[in-house]
Amino acid sequence: MNIDEFRRRGHETVDWMADYMERVEDLPVLSQVSPGDITRRLPASAPEEGEPYDDIMRDLDGVIMPGITHWQHPSFFAYFPANTSPPSILAEMVISTLAPQCMLWQTSPAATELETRVMEWLRDMLGLPPEFTGVIQDTASTATLCAILSARELVTNYTINETGFVGKGILTAYSST
């Protein structure tokens, strides 16, 4: 796909997304398919060449959309909060275009320093002292893992990485379902 087609298809795709957002409340909240319905509509083997964009969009509407649970539907109240908005979708488009790898300051100084500043803003809004710092975790699972690892380090006096678990006794973590 060249840049001119990318630009044209991008406009078409944003129009598709906006149309979806306008009509999502008219769609059924839950998918109306049965297990295997989508699989039966997909080719048994991978295509050897890319498909035309129009065909992909037709498959999105005809094959994929019937199997979508509409998390952004105003009557969807399960699992996690629905959290997209037009500004967040546009931000995701920019992020996908830049494709930054943000694991270190060296790999993305702008992302690291923006994250640091946002965490400072949040700290200040919560009225916490300047010593409170942190990072933004991508999921609740990652945040939970970080909390468990931090607790483990605290109760073992930060020696696990050097000496391992030998002689530390049994560590216990409590959880609920």
C-alpha atoms as a PDB file:
ATOM      1  CA  MET A   1       0.000   0.000   0.000  1.00  0.00           C
ATOM      2  CA  ASN A   2       1.509   3.302  -1.031  1.00  0.00           C
ATOM      3  CA  ILE A   3       1.060   6.525   0.943  1.00  0.00           C
ATOM      4  CA  ASP A   4      -1.714   7.863  -1.312  1.00  0.00           C
ATOM      5  CA  GLU A   5      -3.777   4.701  -0.883  1.00  0.00           C
ATOM      6  CA  PHE A   6      -2.971   4.679   2.847  1.00  0.00           C
ATOM      7  CA  ARG A   7      -4.332   8.218   3.130  1.00  0.00           C
ATOM      8  CA  ARG A   8      -7.499   7.359   1.167  1.00  0.00           C
ATOM      9  CA  ARG A   9      -8.113   4.075   2.994  1.00  0.00           C
ATOM     10  CA  GLY A  10      -7.382   5.768   6.311  1.00  0.00           C
ATOM     11  CA  HIS A  11     -10.168   8.270   5.664  1.00  0.00           C
ATOM     12  CA  GLU A  12     -12.502   5.435   4.670  1.00  0.00           C
ATOM     13  CA  THR A  13     -11.595   3.475   7.800  1.00  0.00           C
ATOM     14  CA  VAL A  14     -12.142   6.465  10.091  1.00  0.00           C
ATOM     15  CA  ASP A  15     -15.539   6.951   8.420  1.00  0.00           C
ATOM     16  CA  TRP A  16     -16.310   3.267   9.074  1.00  0.00           C
ATOM     17  CA  MET A  17     -15.303   3.689  12.736  1.00  0.00           C
ATOM     18  CA  ALA A  18     -17.407   6.850  13.139  1.00  0.00           C
ATOM     19  CA  ASP A  19     -20.407   5.122  11.532  1.00  0.00           C
ATOM     20  CA  TYR A  20     -19.949   2.211  13.957  1.00  0.00           C
ATOM     21  CA  MET A  21     -19.850   4.561  16.960  1.00  0.00           C
ATOM     22  CA  GLU A  22     -23.042   6.267  15.772  1.00  0.00           C
ATOM     23  CA  ARG A  23     -24.931   2.983  15.393  1.00  0.00           C
ATOM     24  CA  VAL A  24     -23.454   0.806  18.161  1.00  0.00           C
ATOM     25  CA  GLU A  25     -26.529   1.223  20.374  1.00  0.00           C
ATOM     26  CA  ASP A  26     -28.678  -0.219  17.564  1.00  0.00           C
ATOM     27  CA  LEU A  27     -26.619  -3.430  17.474  1.00  0.00           C
ATOM     28  CA  PRO A  28     -27.189  -6.406  19.777  1.00  0.00           C
ATOM     29  CA  VAL A  29     -24.954  -6.128  22.840  1.00  0.00           C
ATOM     30  CA  LEU A  30     -23.828  -9.744  22.629  1.00  0.00           C
ATOM     31  CA  SER A  31     -22.719 -11.586  19.552  1.00  0.00           C
ATOM     32  CA  GLN A  32     -25.488 -13.607  17.956  1.00  0.00           C
ATOM     33  CA  VAL A  33     -23.226 -16.402  16.667  1.00  0.00           C
ATOM     34  CA  SER A  34     -22.586 -19.904  17.969  1.00  0.00           C
ATOM     35  CA  PRO A  35     -19.180 -21.484  18.559  1.00  0.00           C
ATOM     36  CA  GLY A  36     -17.558 -22.300  15.225  1.00  0.00           C
ATOM     37  CA  ASP A  37     -19.700 -19.940  13.128  1.00  0.00           C
ATOM     38  CA  ILE A  38     -16.834 -17.532  12.448  1.00  0.00           C
ATOM     39  CA  THR A  39     -14.284 -20.299  11.874  1.00  0.00           C
ATOM     40  CA  ARG A  40     -16.521 -21.874   9.227  1.00  0.00           C
ATOM     41  CA  ARG A  41     -16.584 -18.553   7.348  1.00  0.00           C
ATOM     42  CA  LEU A  42     -12.781 -18.246   7.307  1.00  0.00           C
ATOM     43  CA  PRO A  43     -10.529 -19.984   4.765  1.00  0.00           C
ATOM     44  CA  ALA A  44      -9.026 -23.261   5.983  1.00  0.00           C
ATOM     45  CA  SER A  45      -5.533 -22.191   4.913  1.00  0.00           C
ATOM     46  CA  ALA A  46      -3.773 -18.836   5.028  1.00  0.00           C
ATOM     47  CA  PRO A  47      -3.903 -16.701   1.886  1.00  0.00           C
ATOM     48  CA  GLU A  48      -0.714 -16.715  -0.149  1.00  0.00           C
ATOM     49  CA  GLU A  49      -1.105 -13.056  -1.094  1.00  0.00           C
ATOM     50  CA  GLY A  50      -2.686 -10.034   0.505  1.00  0.00           C
ATOM     51  CA  GLU A  51      -6.339  -9.397  -0.230  1.00  0.00           C
ATOM     52  CA  PRO A  52      -7.744  -6.194  -1.695  1.00  0.00           C
ATOM     53  CA  TYR A  53      -8.703  -3.675   0.971  1.00  0.00           C
ATOM     54  CA  ASP A  54     -12.351  -3.639  -0.133  1.00  0.00           C
ATOM     55  CA  ASP A  55     -12.513  -7.414   0.413  1.00  0.00           C
ATOM     56  CA  ILE A  56     -11.026  -7.028   3.892  1.00  0.00           C
ATOM     57  CA  MET A  57     -13.604  -4.405   4.834  1.00  0.00           C
ATOM     58  CA  ARG A  58     -16.378  -6.567   3.387  1.00  0.00           C
ATOM     59  CA  ASP A  59     -15.135  -9.477   5.553  1.00  0.00           C
ATOM     60  CA  LEU A  60     -15.013  -7.167   8.564  1.00  0.00           C
ATOM     61  CA  ASP A  61     -18.697  -6.358   8.097  1.00  0.00           C
ATOM     62  CA  GLY A  62     -19.873  -9.783   6.944  1.00  0.00           C
ATOM     63  CA  VAL A  63     -17.691 -12.220   8.891  1.00  0.00           C
ATOM     64  CA  ILE A  64     -16.147 -10.474  11.884  1.00  0.00           C
ATOM     65  CA  MET A  65     -18.840  -8.020  13.020  1.00  0.00           C
ATOM     66  CA  PRO A  66     -21.513 -10.698  13.578  1.00  0.00           C
ATOM     67  CA  GLY A  67     -19.105 -12.291  16.073  1.00  0.00           C
ATOM     68  CA  ILE A  68     -18.318  -9.117  18.016  1.00  0.00           C
ATOM     69  CA  THR A  69     -19.574  -8.445  21.527  1.00  0.00           C
ATOM     70  CA  HIS A  70     -20.009  -4.675  21.516  1.00  0.00           C
ATOM     71  CA  TRP A  71     -18.130  -3.486  24.597  1.00  0.00           C
ATOM     72  CA  GLN A  72     -18.900   0.128  23.740  1.00  0.00           C
ATOM     73  CA  HIS A  73     -22.656  -0.512  23.631  1.00  0.00           C
ATOM     74  CA  PRO A  74     -24.456   1.614  26.250  1.00  0.00           C
ATOM     75  CA  SER A  75     -26.081  -1.558  27.656  1.00  0.00           C
ATOM     76  CA  PHE A  76     -22.834  -3.537  28.044  1.00  0.00           C
ATOM     77  CA  PHE A  77     -22.046  -3.887  31.750  1.00  0.00           C
ATOM     78  CA  ALA A  78     -19.775  -6.955  31.957  1.00  0.00           C
ATOM     79  CA  TYR A  79     -16.109  -7.627  32.620  1.00  0.00           C
ATOM     80  CA  PHE A  80     -14.229  -4.329  32.430  1.00  0.00           C
ATOM     81  CA  PRO A  81     -15.324  -0.745  31.835  1.00  0.00           C
ATOM     82  CA  ALA A  82     -15.791   0.316  28.242  1.00  0.00           C
ATOM     83  CA  ASN A  83     -13.035   2.811  27.745  1.00  0.00           C
ATOM     84  CA  THR A  84     -12.722   4.030  24.196  1.00  0.00           C
ATOM     85  CA  SER A  85     -13.623   7.448  22.965  1.00  0.00           C
ATOM     86  CA  PRO A  86     -12.970   9.251  19.694  1.00  0.00           C
ATOM     87  CA  PRO A  87      -9.920  11.077  21.157  1.00  0.00           C
ATOM     88  CA  SER A  88      -8.453   7.822  22.522  1.00  0.00           C
ATOM     89  CA  ILE A  89      -8.935   6.102  19.156  1.00  0.00           C
ATOM     90  CA  LEU A  90      -7.132   8.932  17.374  1.00  0.00           C
ATOM     91  CA  ALA A  91      -4.344   8.699  19.956  1.00  0.00           C
ATOM     92  CA  GLU A  92      -4.045   4.956  19.284  1.00  0.00           C
ATOM     93  CA  MET A  93      -3.699   5.705  15.577  1.00  0.00           C
ATOM     94  CA  VAL A  94      -0.809   8.081  16.294  1.00  0.00           C
ATOM     95  CA  ILE A  95       0.797   5.587  18.677  1.00  0.00           C
ATOM     96  CA  SER A  96       0.543   2.830  16.061  1.00  0.00           C
ATOM     97  CA  THR A  97       2.114   5.128  13.484  1.00  0.00           C
ATOM     98  CA  LEU A  98       5.048   6.026  15.740  1.00  0.00           C
ATOM     99  CA  ALA A  99       5.352   2.472  17.140  1.00  0.00           C
ATOM    100  CA  PRO A 100       7.577   3.561  20.025  1.00  0.00           C
ATOM    101  CA  GLN A 101       9.245   0.931  22.168  1.00  0.00           C
ATOM    102  CA  CYS A 102       8.970   2.544  25.582  1.00  0.00           C
ATOM    103  CA  MET A 103      10.814   0.178  27.882  1.00  0.00           C
ATOM    104  CA  LEU A 104      13.724   2.548  28.643  1.00  0.00           C
ATOM    105  CA  TRP A 105      14.492   6.246  28.469  1.00  0.00           C
ATOM    106  CA  GLN A 106      16.988   5.519  25.661  1.00  0.00           C
ATOM    107  CA  THR A 107      14.353   3.801  23.527  1.00  0.00           C
ATOM    108  CA  SER A 108      11.872   6.662  23.858  1.00  0.00           C
ATOM    109  CA  PRO A 109      12.883   9.755  25.836  1.00  0.00           C
ATOM    110  CA  ALA A 110       9.608  11.533  24.984  1.00  0.00           C
ATOM    111  CA  ALA A 111       7.418   8.660  26.211  1.00  0.00           C
ATOM    112  CA  THR A 112       9.446   8.215  29.402  1.00  0.00           C
ATOM    113  CA  GLU A 113       9.384  11.882  30.301  1.00  0.00           C
ATOM    114  CA  LEU A 114       5.703  12.288  29.391  1.00  0.00           C
ATOM    115  CA  GLU A 115       4.833   9.310  31.604  1.00  0.00           C
ATOM    116  CA  THR A 116       6.903  10.751  34.448  1.00  0.00           C
ATOM    117  CA  ARG A 117       5.156  14.108  34.158  1.00  0.00           C
ATOM    118  CA  VAL A 118       1.681  12.519  34.042  1.00  0.00           C
ATOM    119  CA  MET A 119       2.503  10.527  37.179  1.00  0.00           C
ATOM    120  CA  GLU A 120       3.612  13.762  38.876  1.00  0.00           C
ATOM    121  CA  TRP A 121       0.302  15.388  37.901  1.00  0.00           C
ATOM    122  CA  LEU A 122      -1.646  12.433  39.328  1.00  0.00           C
ATOM    123  CA  ARG A 123       0.416  12.491  42.526  1.00  0.00           C
ATOM    124  CA  ASP A 124      -0.237  16.217  42.942  1.00  0.00           C
ATOM    125  CA  MET A 125      -3.975  15.836  42.237  1.00  0.00           C
ATOM    126  CA  LEU A 126      -4.141  13.169  44.949  1.00  0.00           C
ATOM    127  CA  GLY A 127      -2.277  15.391  47.392  1.00  0.00           C
ATOM    128  CA  LEU A 128       0.566  12.913  47.860  1.00  0.00           C
ATOM    129  CA  PRO A 129       4.065  14.004  48.896  1.00  0.00           C
ATOM    130  CA  PRO A 130       6.819  14.449  46.260  1.00  0.00           C
ATOM    131  CA  GLU A 131       8.441  11.103  47.172  1.00  0.00           C
ATOM    132  CA  PHE A 132       5.546   9.249  45.540  1.00  0.00           C
ATOM    133  CA  THR A 133       6.480   8.230  42.013  1.00  0.00           C
ATOM    134  CA  GLY A 134       5.487   5.429  39.718  1.00  0.00           C
ATOM    135  CA  VAL A 135       4.913   4.175  36.225  1.00  0.00           C
ATOM    136  CA  ILE A 136       1.754   3.547  34.231  1.00  0.00           C
ATOM    137  CA  GLN A 137       1.071  -0.168  33.820  1.00  0.00           C
ATOM    138  CA  ASP A 138      -0.543  -1.418  30.630  1.00  0.00           C
ATOM    139  CA  THR A 139      -2.950  -3.846  32.295  1.00  0.00           C
ATOM    140  CA  ALA A 140      -4.352  -4.773  35.690  1.00  0.00           C
ATOM    141  CA  SER A 141      -2.443  -8.062  35.394  1.00  0.00           C
ATOM    142  CA  THR A 142       0.883  -6.280  34.975  1.00  0.00           C
ATOM    143  CA  ALA A 143       0.083  -3.934  37.857  1.00  0.00           C
ATOM    144  CA  THR A 144      -0.802  -6.905  40.080  1.00  0.00           C
ATOM    145  CA  LEU A 145       2.435  -8.684  39.151  1.00  0.00           C
ATOM    146  CA  CYS A 146       4.436  -5.546  40.020  1.00  0.00           C
ATOM    147  CA  ALA A 147       2.640  -5.282  43.373  1.00  0.00           C
ATOM    148  CA  ILE A 148       3.347  -8.936  44.208  1.00  0.00           C
ATOM    149  CA  LEU A 149       7.010  -8.633  43.220  1.00  0.00           C
ATOM    150  CA  SER A 150       7.358  -5.456  45.276  1.00  0.00           C
ATOM    151  CA  ALA A 151       5.792  -7.151  48.300  1.00  0.00           C
ATOM    152  CA  ARG A 152       8.081 -10.155  47.852  1.00  0.00           C
ATOM    153  CA  GLU A 153      11.135  -7.905  47.740  1.00  0.00           C
ATOM    154  CA  LEU A 154      10.023  -5.979  50.814  1.00  0.00           C
ATOM    155  CA  VAL A 155       9.403  -9.038  53.010  1.00  0.00           C
ATOM    156  CA  THR A 156      12.712 -10.653  51.963  1.00  0.00           C
ATOM    157  CA  ASN A 157      14.708  -7.466  52.529  1.00  0.00           C
ATOM    158  CA  TYR A 158      15.463  -7.179  48.800  1.00  0.00           C
ATOM    159  CA  THR A 159      17.700 -10.272  48.724  1.00  0.00           C
ATOM    160  CA  ILE A 160      15.758 -12.662  46.456  1.00  0.00           C
ATOM    161  CA  ASN A 161      17.540 -11.545  43.276  1.00  0.00           C
ATOM    162  CA  GLU A 162      20.937 -12.127  44.884  1.00  0.00           C
ATOM    163  CA  THR A 163      20.390 -15.263  46.954  1.00  0.00           C
ATOM    164  CA  GLY A 164      17.179 -16.813  45.685  1.00  0.00           C
ATOM    165  CA  PHE A 165      14.499 -18.344  47.888  1.00  0.00           C
ATOM    166  CA  VAL A 166      16.792 -20.692  49.820  1.00  0.00           C
ATOM    167  CA  GLY A 167      16.420 -20.161  53.549  1.00  0.00           C
ATOM    168  CA  LYS A 168      13.669 -17.570  53.196  1.00  0.00           C
ATOM    169  CA  GLY A 169      10.822 -19.715  54.458  1.00  0.00           C
ATOM    170  CA  ILE A 170       7.473 -19.969  52.761  1.00  0.00           C
ATOM    171  CA  LEU A 171       6.004 -16.794  51.342  1.00  0.00           C
ATOM    172  CA  THR A 172       2.210 -16.531  51.384  1.00  0.00           C
ATOM    173  CA  ALA A 173      -0.006 -14.404  49.191  1.00  0.00           C
ATOM    174  CA  TYR A 174      -3.750 -14.068  49.706  1.00  0.00           C
ATOM    175  CA  SER A 175      -6.214 -13.459  46.907  1.00  0.00           C
ATOM    176  CA  SER A 176      -9.894 -13.661  46.173  1.00  0.00           C
ATOM    177  CA  THR A 177     -11.904 -14.659  43.154  1.00  0.00           C
END
